[in-house]
């Protein structure tokens, strides 16, 4: 799949940070949505993610994930989502979170 190329300056506008999931719960009445509280070092944020078919609530808590922190907030099912975590999707039913492979502080910048 070929994507449109972007300039380095465009990519540098994206603020990617390590976040640690401190709590997770399913969104009632939905098949896929979870509400996550994520520690970003200097603050905690709420994120809404469609991960329930792939991860349990228990699996999510404690995970260190990569979060887009400067994405415009969106209201999803009445819940304000203040960022987006990154995940890979193979298009055939497998989804995997983008995580870090070493212990690193929440809020650390991803470059």
C-alpha atoms as a PDB file:
ATOM      1  CA  UNK A   1       0.000   0.000   0.000  1.00  0.00           C
ATOM      2  CA  UNK A   2       1.511   3.298  -1.109  1.00  0.00           C
ATOM      3  CA  UNK A   3       0.811   6.351   1.048  1.00  0.00           C
ATOM      4  CA  UNK A   4       1.190   9.983   0.166  1.00  0.00           C
ATOM      5  CA  UNK A   5       4.619  11.234   1.170  1.00  0.00           C
ATOM      6  CA  UNK A   6       4.852  13.982   3.760  1.00  0.00           C
ATOM      7  CA  UNK A   7       7.648  16.377   4.584  1.00  0.00           C
ATOM      8  CA  UNK A   8       9.809  15.883   7.662  1.00  0.00           C
ATOM      9  CA  UNK A   9       8.388  19.142   9.027  1.00  0.00           C
ATOM     10  CA  UNK A  10       4.878  17.630   8.875  1.00  0.00           C
ATOM     11  CA  UNK A  11       5.975  14.567  10.839  1.00  0.00           C
ATOM     12  CA  UNK A  12       7.750  16.739  13.412  1.00  0.00           C
ATOM     13  CA  UNK A  13       4.411  18.406  14.224  1.00  0.00           C
ATOM     14  CA  UNK A  14       3.152  15.135  15.738  1.00  0.00           C
ATOM     15  CA  UNK A  15       3.825  14.903  19.474  1.00  0.00           C
ATOM     16  CA  UNK A  16       4.271  11.213  20.320  1.00  0.00           C
ATOM     17  CA  UNK A  17       4.701  10.330  23.996  1.00  0.00           C
ATOM     18  CA  UNK A  18       4.951   7.203  26.098  1.00  0.00           C
ATOM     19  CA  UNK A  19       1.845   6.755  28.196  1.00  0.00           C
ATOM     20  CA  UNK A  20       1.101   4.213  30.908  1.00  0.00           C
ATOM     21  CA  UNK A  21      -2.473   2.923  31.094  1.00  0.00           C
ATOM     22  CA  UNK A  22      -3.615   3.354  34.704  1.00  0.00           C
ATOM     23  CA  UNK A  23      -7.217   2.250  34.238  1.00  0.00           C
ATOM     24  CA  UNK A  24      -9.451   0.776  31.577  1.00  0.00           C
ATOM     25  CA  UNK A  25     -13.130  -0.011  31.260  1.00  0.00           C
ATOM     26  CA  UNK A  26     -15.512  -1.090  28.541  1.00  0.00           C
ATOM     27  CA  UNK A  27     -17.955   1.470  27.134  1.00  0.00           C
ATOM     28  CA  UNK A  28     -21.410   0.102  27.829  1.00  0.00           C
ATOM     29  CA  UNK A  29     -23.550  -0.552  24.783  1.00  0.00           C
ATOM     30  CA  UNK A  30     -20.591  -0.845  22.389  1.00  0.00           C
ATOM     31  CA  UNK A  31     -18.826  -3.860  20.939  1.00  0.00           C
ATOM     32  CA  UNK A  32     -15.337  -2.418  20.672  1.00  0.00           C
ATOM     33  CA  UNK A  33     -14.826   0.707  22.755  1.00  0.00           C
ATOM     34  CA  UNK A  34     -12.775   1.110  25.923  1.00  0.00           C
ATOM     35  CA  UNK A  35     -12.143   4.204  28.026  1.00  0.00           C
ATOM     36  CA  UNK A  36      -8.544   4.422  29.167  1.00  0.00           C
ATOM     37  CA  UNK A  37      -6.890   6.724  31.710  1.00  0.00           C
ATOM     38  CA  UNK A  38      -3.309   7.245  30.595  1.00  0.00           C
ATOM     39  CA  UNK A  39      -0.470   8.718  32.642  1.00  0.00           C
ATOM     40  CA  UNK A  40       1.644  10.994  30.427  1.00  0.00           C
ATOM     41  CA  UNK A  41       4.099  12.009  33.142  1.00  0.00           C
ATOM     42  CA  UNK A  42       2.877  15.524  33.868  1.00  0.00           C
ATOM     43  CA  UNK A  43      -0.822  14.757  33.415  1.00  0.00           C
ATOM     44  CA  UNK A  44      -3.399  12.019  32.975  1.00  0.00           C
ATOM     45  CA  UNK A  45      -5.696  11.937  29.976  1.00  0.00           C
ATOM     46  CA  UNK A  46      -8.766  10.039  28.906  1.00  0.00           C
ATOM     47  CA  UNK A  47      -8.580   8.147  25.614  1.00  0.00           C
ATOM     48  CA  UNK A  48     -11.314   6.206  23.858  1.00  0.00           C
ATOM     49  CA  UNK A  49     -10.044   3.287  21.792  1.00  0.00           C
ATOM     50  CA  UNK A  50     -11.648   0.460  19.809  1.00  0.00           C
ATOM     51  CA  UNK A  51      -9.574  -2.264  21.439  1.00  0.00           C
ATOM     52  CA  UNK A  52     -12.141  -4.378  23.301  1.00  0.00           C
ATOM     53  CA  UNK A  53     -12.212  -7.140  20.640  1.00  0.00           C
ATOM     54  CA  UNK A  54      -8.435  -7.527  20.964  1.00  0.00           C
ATOM     55  CA  UNK A  55      -7.508  -6.771  24.586  1.00  0.00           C
ATOM     56  CA  UNK A  56      -9.193  -7.305  27.943  1.00  0.00           C
ATOM     57  CA  UNK A  57      -9.448  -4.503  30.480  1.00  0.00           C
ATOM     58  CA  UNK A  58      -6.969  -6.393  32.668  1.00  0.00           C
ATOM     59  CA  UNK A  59      -4.433  -6.679  29.821  1.00  0.00           C
ATOM     60  CA  UNK A  60      -4.523  -2.936  29.191  1.00  0.00           C
ATOM     61  CA  UNK A  61      -3.746  -1.734  32.719  1.00  0.00           C
ATOM     62  CA  UNK A  62      -0.013  -1.185  33.140  1.00  0.00           C
ATOM     63  CA  UNK A  63       0.811  -1.247  29.415  1.00  0.00           C
ATOM     64  CA  UNK A  64       3.168   1.439  28.181  1.00  0.00           C
ATOM     65  CA  UNK A  65       1.811   2.656  24.859  1.00  0.00           C
ATOM     66  CA  UNK A  66       2.637   5.321  22.293  1.00  0.00           C
ATOM     67  CA  UNK A  67       0.146   8.204  22.303  1.00  0.00           C
ATOM     68  CA  UNK A  68      -0.428  11.071  19.858  1.00  0.00           C
ATOM     69  CA  UNK A  69      -0.836  13.863  22.397  1.00  0.00           C
ATOM     70  CA  UNK A  70      -1.457  16.878  20.168  1.00  0.00           C
ATOM     71  CA  UNK A  71      -4.419  15.488  18.250  1.00  0.00           C
ATOM     72  CA  UNK A  72      -7.538  17.623  18.473  1.00  0.00           C
ATOM     73  CA  UNK A  73      -9.861  16.119  21.137  1.00  0.00           C
ATOM     74  CA  UNK A  74     -12.926  14.241  19.895  1.00  0.00           C
ATOM     75  CA  UNK A  75     -16.152  13.316  21.658  1.00  0.00           C
ATOM     76  CA  UNK A  76     -16.896   9.616  21.161  1.00  0.00           C
ATOM     77  CA  UNK A  77     -20.126   8.237  22.619  1.00  0.00           C
ATOM     78  CA  UNK A  78     -20.303  11.271  24.886  1.00  0.00           C
ATOM     79  CA  UNK A  79     -16.744  10.785  26.190  1.00  0.00           C
ATOM     80  CA  UNK A  80     -14.031  13.337  25.439  1.00  0.00           C
ATOM     81  CA  UNK A  81     -11.006  11.522  23.999  1.00  0.00           C
ATOM     82  CA  UNK A  82      -7.802  13.539  24.472  1.00  0.00           C
ATOM     83  CA  UNK A  83      -5.380  11.729  22.184  1.00  0.00           C
ATOM     84  CA  UNK A  84      -4.906   8.524  20.251  1.00  0.00           C
ATOM     85  CA  UNK A  85      -2.830   5.491  21.038  1.00  0.00           C
ATOM     86  CA  UNK A  86      -1.036   3.744  18.201  1.00  0.00           C
ATOM     87  CA  UNK A  87      -1.741   0.165  17.141  1.00  0.00           C
ATOM     88  CA  UNK A  88      -0.947  -1.976  14.123  1.00  0.00           C
ATOM     89  CA  UNK A  89      -3.758  -3.715  12.222  1.00  0.00           C
ATOM     90  CA  UNK A  90      -2.951  -6.456   9.706  1.00  0.00           C
ATOM     91  CA  UNK A  91      -6.382  -6.150   8.050  1.00  0.00           C
ATOM     92  CA  UNK A  92      -7.120  -9.788   8.858  1.00  0.00           C
ATOM     93  CA  UNK A  93      -8.288  -9.527  12.438  1.00  0.00           C
ATOM     94  CA  UNK A  94      -4.998  -9.091  14.280  1.00  0.00           C
ATOM     95  CA  UNK A  95      -4.310  -5.868  16.163  1.00  0.00           C
ATOM     96  CA  UNK A  96      -1.198  -5.125  18.214  1.00  0.00           C
ATOM     97  CA  UNK A  97      -0.490  -2.078  20.360  1.00  0.00           C
ATOM     98  CA  UNK A  98       2.635  -0.050  19.681  1.00  0.00           C
ATOM     99  CA  UNK A  99       4.539  -0.352  22.952  1.00  0.00           C
ATOM    100  CA  UNK A 100       8.061   0.316  24.211  1.00  0.00           C
ATOM    101  CA  UNK A 101      10.532  -2.519  24.758  1.00  0.00           C
ATOM    102  CA  UNK A 102      12.271  -1.098  27.848  1.00  0.00           C
ATOM    103  CA  UNK A 103      11.108   0.538  31.035  1.00  0.00           C
ATOM    104  CA  UNK A 104      10.904   4.256  30.327  1.00  0.00           C
ATOM    105  CA  UNK A 105       9.102   7.055  32.151  1.00  0.00           C
ATOM    106  CA  UNK A 106       5.592   8.058  31.115  1.00  0.00           C
ATOM    107  CA  UNK A 107       5.745  11.291  29.127  1.00  0.00           C
ATOM    108  CA  UNK A 108       9.000  10.373  27.385  1.00  0.00           C
ATOM    109  CA  UNK A 109       9.062  11.751  23.844  1.00  0.00           C
ATOM    110  CA  UNK A 110       9.002   9.293  20.949  1.00  0.00           C
ATOM    111  CA  UNK A 111      11.276  10.460  18.130  1.00  0.00           C
END
